Amino acid sequence: MKIIRTSILPFSGFSAINVLGILFVHHGVYLSNEMMNHERIHSAQQREMLYVFFYVAYLIEWLVRLPMRGNAYRNISFEREAYANQRNLHYLQSRPWYAWRQYMRRPAHQRNNQSR
């Protein structure tokens, strides 16, 4: 994965952003093994969705999750898969295609609060 250190990307509040398999990182940000694995998971998601469909789906899911309880960004299925598996440095070796789909269901905190 190509890494570009820049002060322009990513947006405020984020350490890194993966665009078309290129990682843009702020100067001085430490790239831990977990962070790199998180971004590699995003690269796998992007490739399997031919890049453009990944970004369309990501935007649509973010818009759908905006009015829901919780953090819309953290509840996007692509992010949930990456965060759930970023510590498993061997995850990509056994990751099934389209694994992010299993993370599309509402997060547990949203399901539990709905039944009250």
Protein backbone atom coordinates (compact mmCIF):
# COMPACT_ATOMS: atom_id res chain seq x y z
CA MET A 1 0.00 0.00 0.00
CA LYS A 2 1.39 3.37 -0.98
CA ILE A 3 1.53 5.88 1.89
CA ILE A 4 1.46 9.64 1.33
CA ARG A 5 2.05 11.98 4.27
CA THR A 6 0.16 15.23 3.83
CA SER A 7 -1.43 18.05 5.80
CA ILE A 8 -4.42 18.24 3.44
CA LEU A 9 -5.91 14.76 3.79
CA PRO A 10 -7.47 13.26 5.81
CA PHE A 11 -10.14 15.57 7.13
CA SER A 12 -9.98 17.02 10.62
CA GLY A 13 -10.50 14.40 13.32
CA PHE A 14 -9.08 11.52 11.29
CA SER A 15 -5.52 10.20 11.22
CA ALA A 16 -5.64 8.47 7.84
CA ILE A 17 -7.85 7.93 4.83
CA ASN A 18 -7.62 5.20 2.20
CA VAL A 19 -8.44 6.42 -1.30
CA LEU A 20 -8.18 3.87 -4.10
CA GLY A 21 -5.71 1.83 -2.03
CA ILE A 22 -3.47 4.83 -1.34
CA LEU A 23 -3.17 5.78 2.32
CA PHE A 24 -3.10 9.51 3.06
CA VAL A 25 -1.75 10.21 6.55
CA HIS A 26 -1.08 13.36 8.52
CA HIS A 27 2.56 14.10 9.28
CA GLY A 28 3.65 12.63 12.60
CA VAL A 29 0.91 9.99 12.81
CA TYR A 30 2.25 6.62 13.94
CA LEU A 31 1.05 3.82 11.67
CA SER A 32 0.58 0.88 14.03
CA ASN A 33 0.13 -2.67 12.77
CA GLU A 34 -3.54 -2.44 13.72
CA MET A 35 -4.06 0.81 11.80
CA MET A 36 -2.32 -0.62 8.74
CA ASN A 37 -4.44 -3.78 8.94
CA HIS A 38 -7.60 -1.65 9.25
CA GLU A 39 -6.65 0.19 6.06
CA ARG A 40 -5.70 -3.05 4.26
CA ILE A 41 -9.17 -4.37 5.06
CA HIS A 42 -10.60 -1.25 3.40
CA SER A 43 -8.37 -1.88 0.37
CA ALA A 44 -9.78 -5.42 0.10
CA GLN A 45 -13.33 -4.05 0.36
CA GLN A 46 -12.63 -1.48 -2.34
CA ARG A 47 -11.09 -4.01 -4.73
CA GLU A 48 -13.92 -6.51 -4.41
CA MET A 49 -16.44 -3.74 -5.16
CA LEU A 50 -14.42 -2.36 -8.08
CA TYR A 51 -13.67 0.85 -6.15
CA VAL A 52 -16.50 3.04 -7.47
CA PHE A 53 -19.25 0.81 -6.02
CA PHE A 54 -17.48 0.83 -2.65
CA TYR A 55 -17.63 4.63 -2.48
CA VAL A 56 -21.26 4.73 -3.63
CA ALA A 57 -22.28 2.10 -1.06
CA TYR A 58 -20.22 3.79 1.67
CA LEU A 59 -21.92 7.15 1.06
CA ILE A 60 -25.41 5.65 0.89
CA GLU A 61 -24.91 3.67 4.09
CA TRP A 62 -23.52 6.73 5.88
CA LEU A 63 -26.58 8.77 4.81
CA VAL A 64 -28.94 6.00 5.99
CA ARG A 65 -27.17 5.76 9.35
CA LEU A 66 -27.00 9.54 9.98
CA PRO A 67 -30.45 9.80 11.62
CA MET A 68 -29.90 6.59 13.61
CA ARG A 69 -28.64 6.55 17.17
CA GLY A 70 -24.88 6.36 17.56
CA ASN A 71 -22.00 7.43 15.37
CA ALA A 72 -22.92 7.08 11.68
CA TYR A 73 -19.28 6.63 10.63
CA ARG A 74 -18.56 3.89 13.19
CA ASN A 75 -21.82 2.10 12.28
CA ILE A 76 -21.07 1.78 8.55
CA SER A 77 -20.65 -1.93 7.77
CA PHE A 78 -17.26 -1.36 6.09
CA GLU A 79 -15.94 0.39 9.20
CA ARG A 80 -17.46 -2.16 11.55
CA GLU A 81 -15.69 -4.99 9.72
CA ALA A 82 -12.38 -3.11 9.72
CA TYR A 83 -12.57 -2.13 13.41
CA ALA A 84 -13.71 -5.61 14.48
CA ASN A 85 -10.77 -7.28 12.75
CA GLN A 86 -7.95 -4.73 12.80
CA ARG A 87 -6.12 -6.55 15.62
CA ASN A 88 -6.24 -9.88 13.78
CA LEU A 89 -3.21 -9.43 11.55
CA HIS A 90 -4.03 -12.70 9.72
CA TYR A 91 -7.65 -11.74 9.00
CA LEU A 92 -7.12 -10.95 5.32
CA GLN A 93 -5.66 -14.42 4.70
CA SER A 94 -8.99 -16.04 5.55
CA ARG A 95 -11.45 -13.19 4.92
CA PRO A 96 -14.36 -14.31 2.74
CA TRP A 97 -15.43 -12.12 -0.16
CA TYR A 98 -17.97 -9.46 0.80
CA ALA A 99 -17.47 -10.17 4.52
CA TRP A 100 -18.66 -6.63 5.29
CA ARG A 101 -22.23 -7.76 4.51
CA GLN A 102 -22.51 -9.55 7.84
CA TYR A 103 -21.93 -6.18 9.55
CA MET A 104 -24.87 -4.48 7.82
CA ARG A 105 -27.36 -5.42 10.51
CA ARG A 106 -27.99 -2.74 13.07
CA PRO A 107 -25.37 -2.62 15.83
CA ALA A 108 -26.35 -4.39 19.07
CA HIS A 109 -26.86 -1.15 21.02
CA GLN A 110 -29.46 -0.05 18.48
CA ARG A 111 -31.32 -3.40 18.51
CA ASN A 112 -31.41 -3.55 22.33
CA ASN A 113 -32.71 0.00 22.74
CA GLN A 114 -35.46 -0.53 20.18
CA SER A 115 -37.12 -3.28 22.27
CA ARG A 116 -37.57 -0.94 25.29
